[in-house]
Amino acid sequence: MRESLERLGRFDPDRARERFLSGFDPDSTRRIEVSDDLVGFVVVKDHQGELLLDHLYVIPGAQGLGIGSEVLTQVFREADEIGRPIKVGALKESASNRFYMRHGFEFVESGEFDNYYVREPNKA
C-alpha cells in the first residue's frame, strides 16, 4: 500500500500508523501465516448490516502466490454463511482495485482518494 500512497504523494508513516491504531480491533484481526511464517493480516469488521473488509495486507515477498485469493475465499465463505455483503475500499490507482474486481467485487462509488466495492452474498 505504501507504493500506492507514494504514487499519489500521500504517504505519511505517522498518519498511516495512527489510522491503523485508531481502528485496531483484535477481535476482528487475523494473522495470515504460511508454514508458520507471518505473511500478513486481514481485518473484517461487522459494520451496519455488512462486513467491512477493512484491511488485507500480504507482505510484498509473499504477494502473487494466491495467498490473498485464499484469504478472500475464506472471508466469502463466512459472509455467505450469514448472508452478508462485504464492502471494501481501495486506494485509487492501487493494484488492489483490479484484485477486488477480479474476485467478484462490484464498484459502487468513488471518494476523494478511494474506490469502494461491494460483494453480495452468494445464496446458492
Protein backbone atom coordinates (compact mmCIF):
# COMPACT_ATOMS: atom_id res chain seq x y z
CA MET A 1 0.00 0.00 0.00
CA ARG A 2 2.92 2.29 0.65
CA GLU A 3 3.80 2.30 -3.06
CA SER A 4 0.27 3.38 -3.99
CA LEU A 5 0.27 6.16 -1.42
CA GLU A 6 3.68 7.36 -2.57
CA ARG A 7 2.46 7.49 -6.19
CA LEU A 8 -0.32 9.81 -5.04
CA GLY A 9 2.07 11.86 -2.89
CA ARG A 10 0.10 10.86 0.22
CA PHE A 11 2.41 8.54 2.14
CA ASP A 12 2.87 9.70 5.71
CA PRO A 13 4.13 6.98 8.09
CA ASP A 14 2.76 8.74 11.17
CA ARG A 15 -0.69 9.13 9.62
CA ALA A 16 -0.69 5.52 8.40
CA ARG A 17 0.24 4.25 11.86
CA GLU A 18 -2.37 6.43 13.57
CA ARG A 19 -5.08 5.33 11.13
CA PHE A 20 -4.31 1.69 11.77
CA LEU A 21 -4.04 2.02 15.56
CA SER A 22 -7.20 4.11 15.92
CA GLY A 23 -9.28 1.43 14.22
CA PHE A 24 -7.44 -1.62 15.57
CA ASP A 25 -9.78 -4.29 16.88
CA PRO A 26 -8.02 -7.51 17.92
CA ASP A 27 -11.28 -9.46 17.70
CA SER A 28 -11.62 -8.55 14.00
CA THR A 29 -7.96 -9.11 13.11
CA ARG A 30 -6.47 -12.40 11.93
CA ARG A 31 -2.91 -13.30 11.14
CA ILE A 32 -2.07 -14.75 7.74
CA GLU A 33 0.57 -17.44 8.11
CA VAL A 34 2.28 -19.72 5.63
CA SER A 35 4.42 -22.55 7.04
CA ASP A 36 4.34 -20.83 10.45
CA ASP A 37 5.66 -17.57 8.97
CA LEU A 38 3.62 -14.39 9.40
CA VAL A 39 3.00 -13.05 5.88
CA GLY A 40 0.16 -10.61 6.53
CA PHE A 41 -3.11 -9.93 8.25
CA VAL A 42 -6.78 -9.44 7.46
CA VAL A 43 -9.32 -7.32 9.32
CA VAL A 44 -13.03 -7.97 8.81
CA LYS A 45 -15.47 -5.92 10.88
CA ASP A 46 -19.19 -6.27 11.41
CA HIS A 47 -20.43 -2.92 10.14
CA GLN A 48 -24.05 -1.81 9.75
CA GLY A 49 -25.52 -4.98 8.25
CA GLU A 50 -22.49 -5.75 6.13
CA LEU A 51 -18.97 -6.95 6.65
CA LEU A 52 -16.25 -4.37 6.16
CA LEU A 53 -13.02 -5.76 4.76
CA ASP A 54 -11.02 -3.07 6.49
CA HIS A 55 -7.52 -4.38 5.76
CA LEU A 56 -5.97 -7.17 3.74
CA TYR A 57 -2.20 -6.96 3.74
CA VAL A 58 0.24 -9.54 2.41
CA ILE A 59 3.93 -8.72 2.60
CA PRO A 60 5.46 -7.95 -0.80
CA GLY A 61 7.61 -11.11 -0.84
CA ALA A 62 4.50 -13.27 -0.46
CA GLN A 63 2.32 -11.45 -2.98
CA GLY A 64 1.40 -13.12 -6.26
CA LEU A 65 1.28 -16.58 -4.70
CA GLY A 66 -2.50 -16.81 -4.31
CA ILE A 67 -2.48 -16.05 -0.58
CA GLY A 68 -4.81 -13.05 -0.88
CA SER A 69 -7.20 -15.08 -3.03
CA GLU A 70 -7.21 -17.87 -0.46
CA VAL A 71 -7.94 -15.40 2.34
CA LEU A 72 -10.81 -13.88 0.31
CA THR A 73 -12.26 -17.35 -0.29
CA GLN A 74 -12.45 -17.85 3.47
CA VAL A 75 -13.96 -14.40 4.05
CA PHE A 76 -16.51 -15.06 1.28
CA ARG A 77 -17.46 -18.38 2.86
CA GLU A 78 -18.06 -16.70 6.21
CA ALA A 79 -20.08 -13.85 4.65
CA ASP A 80 -22.18 -16.28 2.61
CA GLU A 81 -22.97 -18.35 5.72
CA ILE A 82 -24.51 -15.32 7.42
CA GLY A 83 -25.93 -13.78 4.24
CA ARG A 84 -23.99 -10.53 4.49
CA PRO A 85 -22.45 -8.39 1.73
CA ILE A 86 -18.80 -7.39 2.03
CA LYS A 87 -17.67 -3.82 1.45
CA VAL A 88 -14.09 -2.81 0.76
CA GLY A 89 -12.28 0.40 -0.10
CA ALA A 90 -9.19 0.53 -2.29
CA LEU A 91 -6.86 3.44 -2.81
CA LYS A 92 -7.28 4.85 -6.30
CA GLU A 93 -4.58 3.70 -8.71
CA SER A 94 -3.72 0.77 -6.45
CA ALA A 95 -3.41 -2.71 -7.97
CA SER A 96 -5.86 -3.81 -5.28
CA ASN A 97 -8.71 -2.36 -7.38
CA ARG A 98 -8.10 -4.99 -10.07
CA PHE A 99 -7.65 -7.68 -7.41
CA TYR A 100 -11.03 -6.99 -5.82
CA MET A 101 -12.85 -6.70 -9.14
CA ARG A 102 -11.26 -9.96 -10.32
CA HIS A 103 -12.68 -11.61 -7.21
CA GLY A 104 -16.27 -10.52 -7.80
CA PHE A 105 -16.49 -7.17 -6.05
CA GLU A 106 -18.53 -4.57 -7.90
CA PHE A 107 -17.64 -0.90 -7.97
CA VAL A 108 -20.24 1.22 -6.15
CA GLU A 109 -18.71 4.65 -5.64
CA SER A 110 -15.58 6.73 -5.67
CA GLY A 111 -14.39 9.06 -2.94
CA GLU A 112 -11.62 11.60 -2.96
CA PHE A 113 -8.85 9.02 -2.59
CA ASP A 114 -10.58 5.63 -2.58
CA ASN A 115 -12.85 3.47 -4.69
CA TYR A 116 -15.49 1.43 -2.90
CA TYR A 117 -16.68 -2.03 -3.84
CA VAL A 118 -19.32 -4.49 -2.64
CA ARG A 119 -19.56 -8.23 -2.99
CA GLU A 120 -23.08 -9.53 -2.44
CA PRO A 121 -23.51 -12.85 -0.61
CA ASN A 122 -23.75 -15.99 -2.68
CA LYS A 123 -27.07 -17.59 -1.88
CA ALA A 124 -26.51 -20.79 -3.84
